[in-house]
Amino acid sequence: MTKNILIILLSGLTIFACAQNKNAEQLLEEVNNNIQSYDALSIDFSYSIEFPDDGSRENGQGKLDVSGDKYRLKIIGQHVYSNGKTMWTYITDAEEVQINSVTEDNGMITPTNLLTFYKKKYKARSLKEEIMNDTPVYVVELKPEEDKNISKVNLYIDKDQKLIRKLTLHDQNGGTTTYTLDEYEMNPPLTEKDFIFNTEQHPDVEIIDMR
C-alpha cells in the first residue's frame, strides 16, 4: 500500500515537472517571437560580476544595439562593433582596436544572441512568478544540454511585455554574472555604419589585425 502511494506521488511530481517545462518552453517561444518582430533593438543595461575566490564584485553599465547578426556594444573600457563578418574591439584606454573574424558562437552567450541564446543547447527546467521592481515577472531556470562553463541561467521575463528584464548566469566555479536590462528602445534608427569601427574618427588608434 505504501509503495503504491509512493508511486502515485512520484508520478504526480513527474507530470507536474513536465507541465512546468512545457509552460516554460511556450513562454520562451513567445519571448523569442516578440524579439524577432523588431528589426533592431537598443538596450541600456547594468551588470554585476561576483568573483567566488575573494568575494569581490565588479559593477558597470553599458549599451547594446542589435540588428540581426550585427551589434554594437559599449561598456567601460571597450567598444565592440560587429557587422556579422568582422568584429572590431576598441580598447579606449590603450587607443587600440583589435580586428577579428566573427566565428560560430557554439552555444555561448554573445551580444547578438543575448535575448535568444536559450533557443540553442539550453533546456527550460522550471517556471515560477516573482515581483521585480514592482513588475510581475516569470522566472525560468535554464540548464545547458552539454557540459560548459555555465551551470545554469535564470531568466526574469516581464509578464505583460514578454521581454527579458534580467539574466543571472551561474558558472561552474561558483561565480555569478547578472545583467539587468534597464531600458529597451524598439526599432531605433540604426544604419550599417553603426556596426563598423570608424578609423577616421580615431586617426591615432593602433590597429591590430588578428584575422
Protein backbone atom coordinates (compact mmCIF):
# COMPACT_ATOMS: atom_id res chain seq x y z
CA MET A 1 0.00 0.00 0.00
CA THR A 2 2.75 2.43 0.97
CA LYS A 3 4.67 1.52 -2.19
CA ASN A 4 1.62 2.27 -4.36
CA ILE A 5 1.12 5.66 -2.70
CA LEU A 6 4.81 6.50 -3.30
CA ILE A 7 4.49 5.56 -6.98
CA ILE A 8 1.40 7.77 -7.33
CA LEU A 9 3.18 10.71 -5.66
CA LEU A 10 6.25 10.32 -7.86
CA SER A 11 4.07 10.06 -10.96
CA GLY A 12 2.26 13.24 -9.94
CA LEU A 13 5.55 15.09 -9.47
CA THR A 14 6.78 13.91 -12.86
CA ILE A 15 3.61 15.11 -14.59
CA PHE A 16 3.86 18.47 -12.78
CA ALA A 17 7.51 18.87 -13.80
CA CYS A 18 6.68 18.08 -17.44
CA ALA A 19 3.85 20.63 -17.39
CA GLN A 20 6.19 23.23 -15.91
CA ASN A 21 8.77 22.57 -18.61
CA LYS A 22 6.16 22.80 -21.35
CA ASN A 23 4.80 26.09 -19.99
CA ALA A 24 8.34 27.48 -19.71
CA GLU A 25 9.15 26.48 -23.28
CA GLN A 26 5.92 28.07 -24.52
CA LEU A 27 6.80 31.29 -22.68
CA LEU A 28 10.31 31.35 -24.18
CA GLU A 29 8.80 30.87 -27.64
CA GLU A 30 6.53 33.88 -27.04
CA VAL A 31 9.52 35.96 -25.92
CA ASN A 32 11.53 34.90 -28.96
CA ASN A 33 8.68 35.75 -31.34
CA ASN A 34 8.32 39.14 -29.68
CA ILE A 35 12.04 39.91 -30.01
CA GLN A 36 12.16 38.72 -33.63
CA SER A 37 9.28 41.04 -34.54
CA TYR A 38 11.62 44.05 -34.29
CA ASP A 39 14.18 44.98 -36.96
CA ALA A 40 16.50 46.42 -34.32
CA LEU A 41 16.77 46.95 -30.57
CA SER A 42 18.73 49.33 -28.37
CA ILE A 43 19.17 48.31 -24.73
CA ASP A 44 20.63 50.16 -21.75
CA PHE A 45 21.82 47.64 -19.19
CA SER A 46 23.76 47.27 -15.97
CA TYR A 47 25.83 44.32 -14.91
CA SER A 48 27.33 42.81 -11.79
CA ILE A 49 30.03 40.12 -11.63
CA GLU A 50 30.67 38.25 -8.37
CA PHE A 51 34.04 36.50 -8.09
CA PRO A 52 33.98 33.41 -5.84
CA ASP A 53 37.69 33.41 -4.97
CA ASP A 54 37.73 36.57 -2.86
CA GLY A 55 34.05 37.54 -2.78
CA SER A 56 34.72 40.75 -4.71
CA ARG A 57 32.25 42.30 -7.10
CA GLU A 58 32.53 44.33 -10.31
CA ASN A 59 29.68 46.60 -11.38
CA GLY A 60 29.16 48.56 -14.55
CA GLN A 61 26.78 49.86 -17.17
CA GLY A 62 26.58 49.52 -20.91
CA LYS A 63 24.57 49.94 -24.06
CA LEU A 64 23.81 47.31 -26.69
CA ASP A 65 22.46 47.93 -30.19
CA VAL A 66 21.40 44.84 -32.14
CA SER A 67 20.07 44.32 -35.65
CA GLY A 68 20.03 40.75 -36.96
CA ASP A 69 23.57 39.39 -36.69
CA LYS A 70 25.06 42.86 -36.27
CA TYR A 71 25.71 44.61 -32.96
CA ARG A 72 27.44 47.49 -31.21
CA LEU A 73 28.33 47.06 -27.55
CA LYS A 74 29.65 49.84 -25.33
CA ILE A 75 30.87 49.12 -21.81
CA ILE A 76 33.52 50.68 -19.59
CA GLY A 77 36.88 50.44 -21.34
CA GLN A 78 35.65 48.73 -24.52
CA HIS A 79 33.54 49.41 -27.56
CA VAL A 80 32.78 46.35 -29.70
CA TYR A 81 31.41 46.55 -33.24
CA SER A 82 30.35 43.67 -35.46
CA ASN A 83 28.77 43.69 -38.91
CA GLY A 84 28.22 39.94 -38.84
CA LYS A 85 31.51 39.12 -40.59
CA THR A 86 34.14 41.26 -38.87
CA MET A 87 34.45 42.28 -35.21
CA TRP A 88 36.32 45.37 -34.00
CA THR A 89 37.20 45.63 -30.30
CA TYR A 90 38.22 49.18 -29.46
CA ILE A 91 40.11 49.41 -26.15
CA THR A 92 39.63 53.03 -25.22
CA ASP A 93 42.42 53.47 -22.65
CA ALA A 94 45.06 51.83 -24.85
CA GLU A 95 43.86 53.59 -28.01
CA GLU A 96 43.98 50.34 -29.96
CA VAL A 97 41.48 48.34 -31.95
CA GLN A 98 41.68 44.58 -32.42
CA ILE A 99 40.12 43.15 -35.58
CA ASN A 100 38.86 39.56 -35.69
CA SER A 101 36.68 37.46 -37.96
CA VAL A 102 33.30 36.51 -36.50
CA THR A 103 33.09 32.82 -35.60
CA GLU A 104 30.25 30.50 -34.62
CA ASP A 105 29.02 31.08 -31.07
CA ASN A 106 28.73 27.31 -30.38
CA GLY A 107 26.01 27.90 -27.80
CA MET A 108 27.95 30.62 -25.98
CA ILE A 109 26.05 33.73 -24.86
CA THR A 110 27.07 36.64 -27.11
CA PRO A 111 25.75 40.18 -27.73
CA THR A 112 23.81 39.07 -30.81
CA ASN A 113 22.04 36.20 -29.05
CA LEU A 114 21.72 37.74 -25.59
CA LEU A 115 17.93 37.78 -25.94
CA THR A 116 17.57 34.47 -27.80
CA PHE A 117 20.51 32.26 -26.72
CA TYR A 118 18.14 29.87 -24.94
CA LYS A 119 16.96 28.58 -28.34
CA LYS A 120 20.23 26.67 -28.74
CA LYS A 121 21.60 24.00 -26.36
CA TYR A 122 19.63 25.08 -23.30
CA LYS A 123 16.65 23.37 -21.68
CA ALA A 124 13.97 25.02 -19.55
CA ARG A 125 13.78 23.32 -16.15
CA SER A 126 11.25 25.26 -14.09
CA LEU A 127 8.91 28.24 -14.08
CA LYS A 128 7.71 30.46 -11.24
CA GLU A 129 6.45 34.00 -10.69
CA GLU A 130 8.04 36.86 -8.72
CA ILE A 131 7.85 40.64 -8.35
CA MET A 132 10.89 42.55 -9.65
CA ASN A 133 10.91 46.30 -9.00
CA ASP A 134 7.10 46.31 -8.73
CA THR A 135 6.85 44.43 -12.05
CA PRO A 136 5.41 40.90 -12.21
CA VAL A 137 7.95 38.58 -13.86
CA TYR A 138 8.27 34.93 -14.74
CA VAL A 139 11.50 33.26 -13.64
CA VAL A 140 12.71 30.47 -15.92
CA GLU A 141 15.64 28.29 -14.93
CA LEU A 142 17.71 27.02 -17.85
CA LYS A 143 20.25 24.21 -17.87
CA PRO A 144 22.84 23.69 -20.61
CA GLU A 145 22.34 20.46 -22.52
CA GLU A 146 26.11 19.96 -22.75
CA ASP A 147 28.91 20.49 -20.24
CA LYS A 148 30.23 24.03 -20.42
CA ASN A 149 31.33 26.89 -18.19
CA ILE A 150 27.73 27.85 -17.36
CA SER A 151 25.97 25.60 -14.83
CA LYS A 152 22.57 27.32 -15.04
CA VAL A 153 20.86 30.54 -16.15
CA ASN A 154 17.87 32.28 -14.58
CA LEU A 155 15.79 34.44 -16.91
CA TYR A 156 13.46 37.10 -15.47
CA ILE A 157 10.75 37.82 -18.05
CA ASP A 158 8.30 40.71 -17.92
CA LYS A 159 4.92 39.01 -17.55
CA ASP A 160 3.00 41.57 -19.61
CA GLN A 161 5.51 42.75 -22.21
CA LYS A 162 7.23 39.37 -22.73
CA LEU A 163 10.70 40.94 -22.56
CA ILE A 164 13.75 39.73 -20.65
CA ARG A 165 14.42 42.07 -17.73
CA LYS A 166 17.30 40.23 -16.10
CA LEU A 167 19.68 37.32 -16.70
CA THR A 168 21.67 35.62 -13.96
CA LEU A 169 24.46 33.33 -15.15
CA HIS A 170 25.98 30.83 -12.70
CA ASP A 171 29.32 29.37 -13.73
CA GLN A 172 30.87 26.06 -12.76
CA ASN A 173 33.34 27.76 -10.38
CA GLY A 174 30.66 29.41 -8.26
CA GLY A 175 30.80 32.84 -9.86
CA THR A 176 27.69 34.79 -10.82
CA THR A 177 27.15 37.36 -13.57
CA THR A 178 23.92 39.36 -13.63
CA TYR A 179 22.69 41.54 -16.48
CA THR A 180 19.77 43.85 -15.76
CA LEU A 181 18.15 45.18 -18.93
CA ASP A 182 17.03 48.57 -17.72
CA GLU A 183 15.52 50.14 -20.83
CA TYR A 184 14.54 48.97 -24.32
CA GLU A 185 14.16 51.08 -27.46
CA MET A 186 12.36 49.28 -30.27
CA ASN A 187 13.46 49.84 -33.87
CA PRO A 188 15.98 52.64 -33.22
CA PRO A 189 17.30 54.46 -36.32
CA LEU A 190 20.44 52.33 -36.87
CA THR A 191 22.38 52.05 -40.13
CA GLU A 192 25.09 49.70 -41.42
CA LYS A 193 27.75 52.27 -40.48
CA ASP A 194 26.80 51.98 -36.81
CA PHE A 195 28.19 48.43 -36.73
CA ILE A 196 31.61 49.25 -38.22
CA PHE A 197 34.50 50.87 -36.36
CA ASN A 198 35.26 54.22 -37.99
CA THR A 199 39.04 54.68 -38.13
CA GLU A 200 38.61 58.23 -39.48
CA GLN A 201 37.14 59.26 -36.13
CA HIS A 202 40.18 57.76 -34.36
CA PRO A 203 43.20 58.72 -36.51
CA ASP A 204 45.73 57.88 -33.77
CA VAL A 205 44.39 54.44 -32.94
CA GLU A 206 46.72 51.44 -33.23
CA ILE A 207 45.21 48.76 -35.46
CA ILE A 208 45.92 45.12 -34.57
CA ASP A 209 44.53 42.87 -37.31
CA MET A 210 44.17 39.30 -35.96
CA ARG A 211 42.25 37.80 -38.87
